[in-house]
Amino acid sequence: MIRFSTLLTRAAAALLLGSMLVLSGCHMLGGSKKDTVNTDQVKGQFDTTIQAYKGGQFMVDGAVLSALDTGSHFAYLKDQHQLPKTVLLVRSDESKIRKQHLEFMARMQLD
């Protein structure tokens, strides 16, 4: 069995304690907080804003549309040469942004 000297054991314990204090200090000072952006500040930077709605639907210009109808709406805008370059997807009062909303937006980008 290998025995460590008392000095080496104490140095390792002090190093462990010091690193724990540094990590806890980073956590308490907000080093691990997620940055959030207020959508009200960035809405003006996007051409169109649509809201995620219940059941994979979207609210576009005040109307609740299914994913298929939303795609048709953007196809119509493309035919009219009014297709927005940037679209902001925000949560509505009734629903948050879900995976199916993001999947549709990605699918629409590919088309």
N, C-alpha and C. Protein backbone atom coordinates (compact mmCIF):
# COMPACT_ATOMS: atom_id res chain seq x y z
N MET A 1 0.85 -1.17 0.00
CA MET A 1 0.00 0.00 0.00
C MET A 1 0.90 1.23 0.00
N ILE A 2 0.48 2.21 -0.83
CA ILE A 2 1.27 3.42 -0.95
C ILE A 2 0.76 4.44 0.05
N ARG A 3 1.67 5.04 0.77
CA ARG A 3 1.31 6.09 1.72
C ARG A 3 1.78 7.43 1.19
N PHE A 4 0.88 8.40 1.28
CA PHE A 4 1.24 9.75 0.86
C PHE A 4 1.70 10.53 2.07
N SER A 5 2.59 11.47 1.82
CA SER A 5 3.07 12.28 2.94
C SER A 5 1.96 13.22 3.39
N THR A 6 2.06 13.66 4.60
CA THR A 6 1.06 14.55 5.17
C THR A 6 1.02 15.87 4.42
N LEU A 7 2.16 16.36 3.99
CA LEU A 7 2.22 17.63 3.25
C LEU A 7 1.50 17.50 1.91
N LEU A 8 1.71 16.40 1.21
CA LEU A 8 1.05 16.18 -0.08
C LEU A 8 -0.47 16.05 0.09
N THR A 9 -0.91 15.37 1.12
CA THR A 9 -2.34 15.21 1.38
C THR A 9 -2.99 16.54 1.69
N ARG A 10 -2.32 17.34 2.50
CA ARG A 10 -2.87 18.66 2.85
C ARG A 10 -2.89 19.59 1.64
N ALA A 11 -1.88 19.52 0.80
CA ALA A 11 -1.84 20.36 -0.40
C ALA A 11 -2.96 19.97 -1.36
N ALA A 12 -3.22 18.67 -1.52
CA ALA A 12 -4.29 18.21 -2.39
C ALA A 12 -5.66 18.64 -1.83
N ALA A 13 -5.83 18.56 -0.52
CA ALA A 13 -7.10 18.98 0.09
C ALA A 13 -7.30 20.49 -0.07
N ALA A 14 -6.23 21.27 0.08
CA ALA A 14 -6.34 22.71 -0.09
C ALA A 14 -6.65 23.07 -1.54
N LEU A 15 -6.07 22.36 -2.48
CA LEU A 15 -6.34 22.59 -3.89
C LEU A 15 -7.80 22.26 -4.23
N LEU A 16 -8.30 21.17 -3.70
CA LEU A 16 -9.69 20.77 -3.90
C LEU A 16 -10.64 21.80 -3.30
N LEU A 17 -10.36 22.24 -2.10
CA LEU A 17 -11.20 23.23 -1.44
C LEU A 17 -11.17 24.57 -2.19
N GLY A 18 -9.99 24.96 -2.66
CA GLY A 18 -9.87 26.21 -3.41
C GLY A 18 -10.65 26.17 -4.71
N SER A 19 -10.57 25.06 -5.42
CA SER A 19 -11.30 24.96 -6.68
C SER A 19 -12.81 24.94 -6.44
N MET A 20 -13.25 24.34 -5.36
CA MET A 20 -14.68 24.36 -5.04
C MET A 20 -15.15 25.77 -4.73
N LEU A 21 -14.33 26.55 -4.05
CA LEU A 21 -14.69 27.94 -3.74
C LEU A 21 -14.76 28.79 -5.01
N VAL A 22 -13.83 28.56 -5.93
CA VAL A 22 -13.84 29.32 -7.18
C VAL A 22 -15.10 28.99 -7.98
N LEU A 23 -15.43 27.71 -8.09
CA LEU A 23 -16.62 27.31 -8.85
C LEU A 23 -17.91 27.82 -8.21
N SER A 24 -17.98 27.79 -6.90
CA SER A 24 -19.19 28.30 -6.24
C SER A 24 -19.28 29.81 -6.38
N GLY A 25 -18.15 30.49 -6.39
CA GLY A 25 -18.15 31.94 -6.60
C GLY A 25 -18.64 32.32 -7.98
N CYS A 26 -18.24 31.54 -8.98
CA CYS A 26 -18.71 31.79 -10.35
C CYS A 26 -20.21 31.58 -10.44
N HIS A 27 -20.71 30.57 -9.77
CA HIS A 27 -22.14 30.29 -9.82
C HIS A 27 -22.94 31.39 -9.13
N MET A 28 -22.45 31.88 -8.00
CA MET A 28 -23.19 32.89 -7.25
C MET A 28 -23.16 34.24 -7.94
N LEU A 29 -22.11 34.54 -8.70
CA LEU A 29 -22.00 35.83 -9.36
C LEU A 29 -22.69 35.86 -10.72
N GLY A 30 -23.32 34.78 -11.10
CA GLY A 30 -24.08 34.77 -12.34
C GLY A 30 -23.28 34.30 -13.53
N GLY A 31 -22.20 33.61 -13.32
CA GLY A 31 -21.40 33.12 -14.42
C GLY A 31 -22.09 32.03 -15.22
N SER A 32 -23.04 31.35 -14.64
CA SER A 32 -23.70 30.25 -15.34
C SER A 32 -25.13 30.58 -15.74
N LYS A 33 -25.54 31.83 -15.64
CA LYS A 33 -26.90 32.20 -16.02
C LYS A 33 -27.01 32.26 -17.53
N LYS A 34 -28.19 31.94 -18.03
CA LYS A 34 -28.44 32.02 -19.47
C LYS A 34 -28.78 33.46 -19.82
N ASP A 35 -28.24 33.90 -20.94
CA ASP A 35 -28.57 35.24 -21.41
C ASP A 35 -29.93 35.19 -22.10
N THR A 36 -30.77 36.14 -21.78
CA THR A 36 -32.08 36.22 -22.40
C THR A 36 -32.18 37.54 -23.15
N VAL A 37 -32.97 37.53 -24.20
CA VAL A 37 -33.17 38.72 -25.01
C VAL A 37 -34.65 39.07 -24.97
N ASN A 38 -34.94 40.31 -24.73
CA ASN A 38 -36.31 40.77 -24.74
C ASN A 38 -36.76 40.92 -26.19
N THR A 39 -37.82 40.21 -26.58
CA THR A 39 -38.24 40.22 -27.98
C THR A 39 -38.76 41.58 -28.42
N ASP A 40 -39.21 42.40 -27.49
CA ASP A 40 -39.69 43.72 -27.86
C ASP A 40 -38.57 44.57 -28.46
N GLN A 41 -37.35 44.33 -28.03
CA GLN A 41 -36.21 45.09 -28.52
C GLN A 41 -35.82 44.68 -29.94
N VAL A 42 -36.04 43.43 -30.31
CA VAL A 42 -35.56 42.95 -31.60
C VAL A 42 -36.67 42.80 -32.64
N LYS A 43 -37.91 43.03 -32.28
CA LYS A 43 -39.01 42.87 -33.24
C LYS A 43 -38.85 43.79 -34.45
N GLY A 44 -38.30 44.97 -34.24
CA GLY A 44 -38.12 45.91 -35.34
C GLY A 44 -37.07 45.49 -36.34
N GLN A 45 -36.24 44.54 -35.97
CA GLN A 45 -35.17 44.08 -36.86
C GLN A 45 -35.65 42.99 -37.82
N PHE A 46 -36.87 42.50 -37.67
CA PHE A 46 -37.40 41.42 -38.49
C PHE A 46 -38.51 41.96 -39.38
N ASP A 47 -38.63 41.38 -40.57
CA ASP A 47 -39.65 41.82 -41.51
C ASP A 47 -41.05 41.38 -41.08
N THR A 48 -41.16 40.17 -40.53
CA THR A 48 -42.45 39.62 -40.13
C THR A 48 -42.32 38.92 -38.78
N THR A 49 -43.35 39.02 -37.97
CA THR A 49 -43.39 38.32 -36.70
C THR A 49 -44.63 37.43 -36.68
N ILE A 50 -44.40 36.13 -36.42
CA ILE A 50 -45.54 35.22 -36.27
C ILE A 50 -45.47 34.59 -34.89
N GLN A 51 -46.64 34.21 -34.38
CA GLN A 51 -46.71 33.65 -33.04
C GLN A 51 -47.00 32.15 -33.12
N ALA A 52 -46.37 31.40 -32.22
CA ALA A 52 -46.67 29.97 -32.10
C ALA A 52 -48.01 29.85 -31.38
N TYR A 53 -48.85 28.94 -31.86
CA TYR A 53 -50.18 28.77 -31.28
C TYR A 53 -50.39 27.31 -30.93
N LYS A 54 -51.48 27.00 -30.31
CA LYS A 54 -51.77 25.63 -29.85
C LYS A 54 -51.82 24.64 -31.02
N GLY A 55 -51.44 23.41 -30.75
CA GLY A 55 -51.60 22.33 -31.71
C GLY A 55 -50.76 22.47 -32.97
N GLY A 56 -49.62 23.12 -32.88
CA GLY A 56 -48.76 23.27 -34.05
C GLY A 56 -49.24 24.32 -35.03
N GLN A 57 -50.17 25.16 -34.61
CA GLN A 57 -50.68 26.22 -35.47
C GLN A 57 -49.90 27.51 -35.24
N PHE A 58 -50.11 28.47 -36.14
CA PHE A 58 -49.43 29.76 -36.06
C PHE A 58 -50.45 30.87 -36.12
N MET A 59 -50.13 31.99 -35.49
CA MET A 59 -50.97 33.18 -35.60
C MET A 59 -50.21 34.17 -36.49
N VAL A 60 -50.76 34.37 -37.68
CA VAL A 60 -50.14 35.25 -38.67
C VAL A 60 -51.09 36.41 -38.92
N ASP A 61 -50.65 37.61 -38.64
CA ASP A 61 -51.46 38.82 -38.84
C ASP A 61 -52.82 38.72 -38.18
N GLY A 62 -52.89 38.12 -37.00
CA GLY A 62 -54.12 38.03 -36.23
C GLY A 62 -55.00 36.85 -36.57
N ALA A 63 -54.61 36.05 -37.56
CA ALA A 63 -55.41 34.89 -37.94
C ALA A 63 -54.68 33.61 -37.53
N VAL A 64 -55.42 32.65 -36.99
CA VAL A 64 -54.83 31.37 -36.61
C VAL A 64 -54.82 30.47 -37.83
N LEU A 65 -53.61 30.04 -38.24
CA LEU A 65 -53.45 29.21 -39.43
C LEU A 65 -52.74 27.92 -39.07
N SER A 66 -53.11 26.85 -39.76
CA SER A 66 -52.38 25.60 -39.59
C SER A 66 -51.02 25.75 -40.24
N ALA A 67 -50.17 24.76 -40.02
CA ALA A 67 -48.83 24.81 -40.61
C ALA A 67 -48.92 24.83 -42.13
N LEU A 68 -49.82 24.04 -42.69
CA LEU A 68 -50.00 23.99 -44.14
C LEU A 68 -50.49 25.33 -44.68
N ASP A 69 -51.44 25.94 -44.00
CA ASP A 69 -51.95 27.24 -44.43
C ASP A 69 -50.89 28.33 -44.30
N THR A 70 -50.07 28.24 -43.27
CA THR A 70 -48.99 29.21 -43.11
C THR A 70 -48.00 29.09 -44.26
N GLY A 71 -47.70 27.85 -44.65
CA GLY A 71 -46.83 27.64 -45.80
C GLY A 71 -47.43 28.20 -47.08
N SER A 72 -48.74 28.03 -47.23
CA SER A 72 -49.44 28.58 -48.40
C SER A 72 -49.42 30.10 -48.40
N HIS A 73 -49.54 30.68 -47.21
CA HIS A 73 -49.48 32.14 -47.08
C HIS A 73 -48.13 32.66 -47.54
N PHE A 74 -47.05 32.00 -47.12
CA PHE A 74 -45.72 32.45 -47.52
C PHE A 74 -45.46 32.15 -49.00
N ALA A 75 -46.07 31.10 -49.56
CA ALA A 75 -45.96 30.84 -51.00
C ALA A 75 -46.66 31.95 -51.79
N TYR A 76 -47.81 32.40 -51.29
CA TYR A 76 -48.51 33.51 -51.93
C TYR A 76 -47.66 34.78 -51.89
N LEU A 77 -47.06 35.05 -50.74
CA LEU A 77 -46.20 36.24 -50.64
C LEU A 77 -45.01 36.14 -51.59
N LYS A 78 -44.51 34.93 -51.78
CA LYS A 78 -43.39 34.73 -52.70
C LYS A 78 -43.84 35.01 -54.14
N ASP A 79 -45.03 34.56 -54.51
CA ASP A 79 -45.56 34.82 -55.85
C ASP A 79 -45.78 36.31 -56.08
N GLN A 80 -46.14 37.03 -55.04
CA GLN A 80 -46.37 38.47 -55.13
C GLN A 80 -45.09 39.29 -54.99
N HIS A 81 -43.95 38.61 -54.86
CA HIS A 81 -42.64 39.25 -54.66
C HIS A 81 -42.62 40.10 -53.40
N GLN A 82 -43.31 39.63 -52.35
CA GLN A 82 -43.33 40.31 -51.07
C GLN A 82 -42.89 39.39 -49.94
N LEU A 83 -42.12 38.37 -50.28
CA LEU A 83 -41.68 37.40 -49.28
C LEU A 83 -40.72 38.07 -48.30
N PRO A 84 -40.99 38.00 -47.01
CA PRO A 84 -40.08 38.61 -46.04
C PRO A 84 -38.76 37.85 -45.96
N LYS A 85 -37.69 38.59 -45.79
CA LYS A 85 -36.37 37.95 -45.68
C LYS A 85 -36.15 37.36 -44.30
N THR A 86 -36.68 38.01 -43.27
CA THR A 86 -36.48 37.53 -41.90
C THR A 86 -37.84 37.39 -41.21
N VAL A 87 -37.99 36.30 -40.47
CA VAL A 87 -39.24 36.01 -39.75
C VAL A 87 -38.88 35.70 -38.30
N LEU A 88 -39.56 36.35 -37.37
CA LEU A 88 -39.36 36.10 -35.95
C LEU A 88 -40.53 35.27 -35.42
N LEU A 89 -40.21 34.13 -34.83
CA LEU A 89 -41.23 33.28 -34.21
C LEU A 89 -41.22 33.53 -32.72
N VAL A 90 -42.35 34.00 -32.19
CA VAL A 90 -42.46 34.30 -30.76
C VAL A 90 -43.59 33.47 -30.17
N ARG A 91 -43.56 33.31 -28.87
CA ARG A 91 -44.63 32.58 -28.19
C ARG A 91 -45.86 33.47 -28.07
N SER A 92 -47.01 32.84 -28.07
CA SER A 92 -48.26 33.59 -27.89
C SER A 92 -48.68 33.46 -26.43
N ASP A 93 -49.79 34.10 -26.11
CA ASP A 93 -50.31 34.02 -24.75
C ASP A 93 -50.83 32.62 -24.44
N GLU A 94 -51.28 31.91 -25.46
CA GLU A 94 -51.88 30.60 -25.27
C GLU A 94 -50.89 29.44 -25.31
N SER A 95 -49.74 29.62 -25.95
CA SER A 95 -48.83 28.50 -26.13
C SER A 95 -47.39 28.98 -26.22
N LYS A 96 -46.49 28.08 -25.87
CA LYS A 96 -45.08 28.38 -26.03
C LYS A 96 -44.58 27.75 -27.34
N ILE A 97 -43.37 28.09 -27.73
CA ILE A 97 -42.80 27.54 -28.95
C ILE A 97 -42.43 26.09 -28.69
N ARG A 98 -42.96 25.20 -29.49
CA ARG A 98 -42.73 23.77 -29.33
C ARG A 98 -41.87 23.25 -30.48
N LYS A 99 -41.47 22.00 -30.33
CA LYS A 99 -40.61 21.37 -31.32
C LYS A 99 -41.26 21.34 -32.69
N GLN A 100 -42.56 21.10 -32.74
CA GLN A 100 -43.25 21.03 -34.03
C GLN A 100 -43.27 22.37 -34.75
N HIS A 101 -43.29 23.48 -33.99
CA HIS A 101 -43.21 24.80 -34.61
C HIS A 101 -41.84 24.99 -35.25
N LEU A 102 -40.80 24.61 -34.53
CA LEU A 102 -39.44 24.77 -35.06
C LEU A 102 -39.20 23.86 -36.26
N GLU A 103 -39.76 22.65 -36.22
CA GLU A 103 -39.60 21.73 -37.35
C GLU A 103 -40.26 22.30 -38.59
N PHE A 104 -41.44 22.90 -38.43
CA PHE A 104 -42.12 23.48 -39.58
C PHE A 104 -41.33 24.65 -40.14
N MET A 105 -40.80 25.49 -39.26
CA MET A 105 -40.03 26.64 -39.74
C MET A 105 -38.78 26.18 -40.49
N ALA A 106 -38.13 25.14 -40.01
CA ALA A 106 -36.95 24.61 -40.70
C ALA A 106 -37.35 23.99 -42.04
N ARG A 107 -38.46 23.27 -42.08
CA ARG A 107 -38.94 22.68 -43.32
C ARG A 107 -39.31 23.75 -44.33
N MET A 108 -39.91 24.82 -43.86
CA MET A 108 -40.29 25.92 -44.75
C MET A 108 -39.05 26.62 -45.31
N GLN A 109 -37.99 26.70 -44.52
CA GLN A 109 -36.76 27.31 -44.97
C GLN A 109 -36.14 26.49 -46.10
N LEU A 110 -36.25 25.16 -46.01
CA LEU A 110 -35.68 24.30 -47.05
C LEU A 110 -36.47 24.37 -48.35
N ASP A 111 -37.76 24.64 -48.26
CA ASP A 111 -38.60 24.72 -49.47
C ASP A 111 -38.39 26.06 -50.09
